Amino acid sequence: MDLHVTSLRGGGACPSQYWGQTHDGREVYIRYRGGFLSVDVAEEPGEEVLYDGGFLDIELGPPLDGELSVRQLIALTGLKVDELDGFQVSAEREAERDLSGATTFWSAIGISATNEGAEQFLSVLWREFPDCQLFENIWSQPRGRKKRPLWPGETPKEAILEIMLGAGCPKISLHYSRFKYDFPGYGSPEDNSRFSQEARREVETVGSIGCEVKYDSLRISSEFRTDDTLARTWLERLDQKLDACFPEIEYSPHDLATGEITAGEAIKTQDDPEITKWVQVASNRFRYIRRAARDLPLIGYR
């Protein structure tokens, strides 16, 4: 990155944020959150920075990572700084995550699963990987975290699981909140009635309060040395099982009032088949209901 600032201040985590100024007086804003690093530079001195990642926008770390030290920032981007405002650029700390590219961060996010679908996915892992081991992470005070092994077919009671598929497989983390928390659904009880009132017909969204199909995000992540081809092979096999259990579905935009397909981009997402089945039962059922802008009509996706 070809950027030279006279000073730099900031820090923190979730996000890590830094502010600086170029030699010709343009403001600089640097932000790291969710594994993405963005750098924005004002076009002219005295102008505000546009927070759009226009100068640099790259993925460095895993999806939930949000801490980037000034040492890492300088080392990874080549940022030149004349004066560090109160910073001590120390040697690499043991706790710092390796963002150099020598470590690959793998993740599967954006998957929606019902409780039954998540349990079926675990059954697939036990069946397809004979040496598969699953553990649930249990947190308690004052003992902290401990791991408890799950027997094949056992339903987890904790939201975070650790998975080992076999020899040479990196540690895999799975997060699914509904294993532990049986929340009633998304949105508020009034959402469907408000949507129905505007559409002048009864409409429903999957997963809303009162809907019989409940779901939550299923997130899986891992990391491994980039040159570890065996680890990469394990995760490619896992990815295939995820795609089989939660296929990608395309939901088209519909006029909420008439139910007719309308212009607009479809939404693609990996869904539990039970979600798709519920939506397809009736024309007034939708995967999402959204409004592109405040003064535009509601659009239903199905």
Foldseek 3Di string as FASTA:
>chain_A
DPAEFAEKDFFDWQAGWIWTAGPQAWIKIWIFAQQKIAIWTDPHHPDDTDPDSPVHIDGQEHRGGHGDDPLRVCVQPVYHYNYYDPDDNDPDDPPDDDRNQQKDKDKDWQEKEFLVLVLVLLLCLVVVQVPKWKWAWDQDPPVGTDTDTDDRSDQAQHQKMWMDRDPLAFIKIKGFHCSHDVDQFDDDPCVQVVLCVQLVHGAEAPRHRPHPTHIDIIMMIGMDGPPSVSNVVVVVVSVVSQCVQFPKDWWFKAQQNPLHGDDDGIDIGGYGVVNVVVQPPDSRYAHDWDAPDPPGHIIGTD
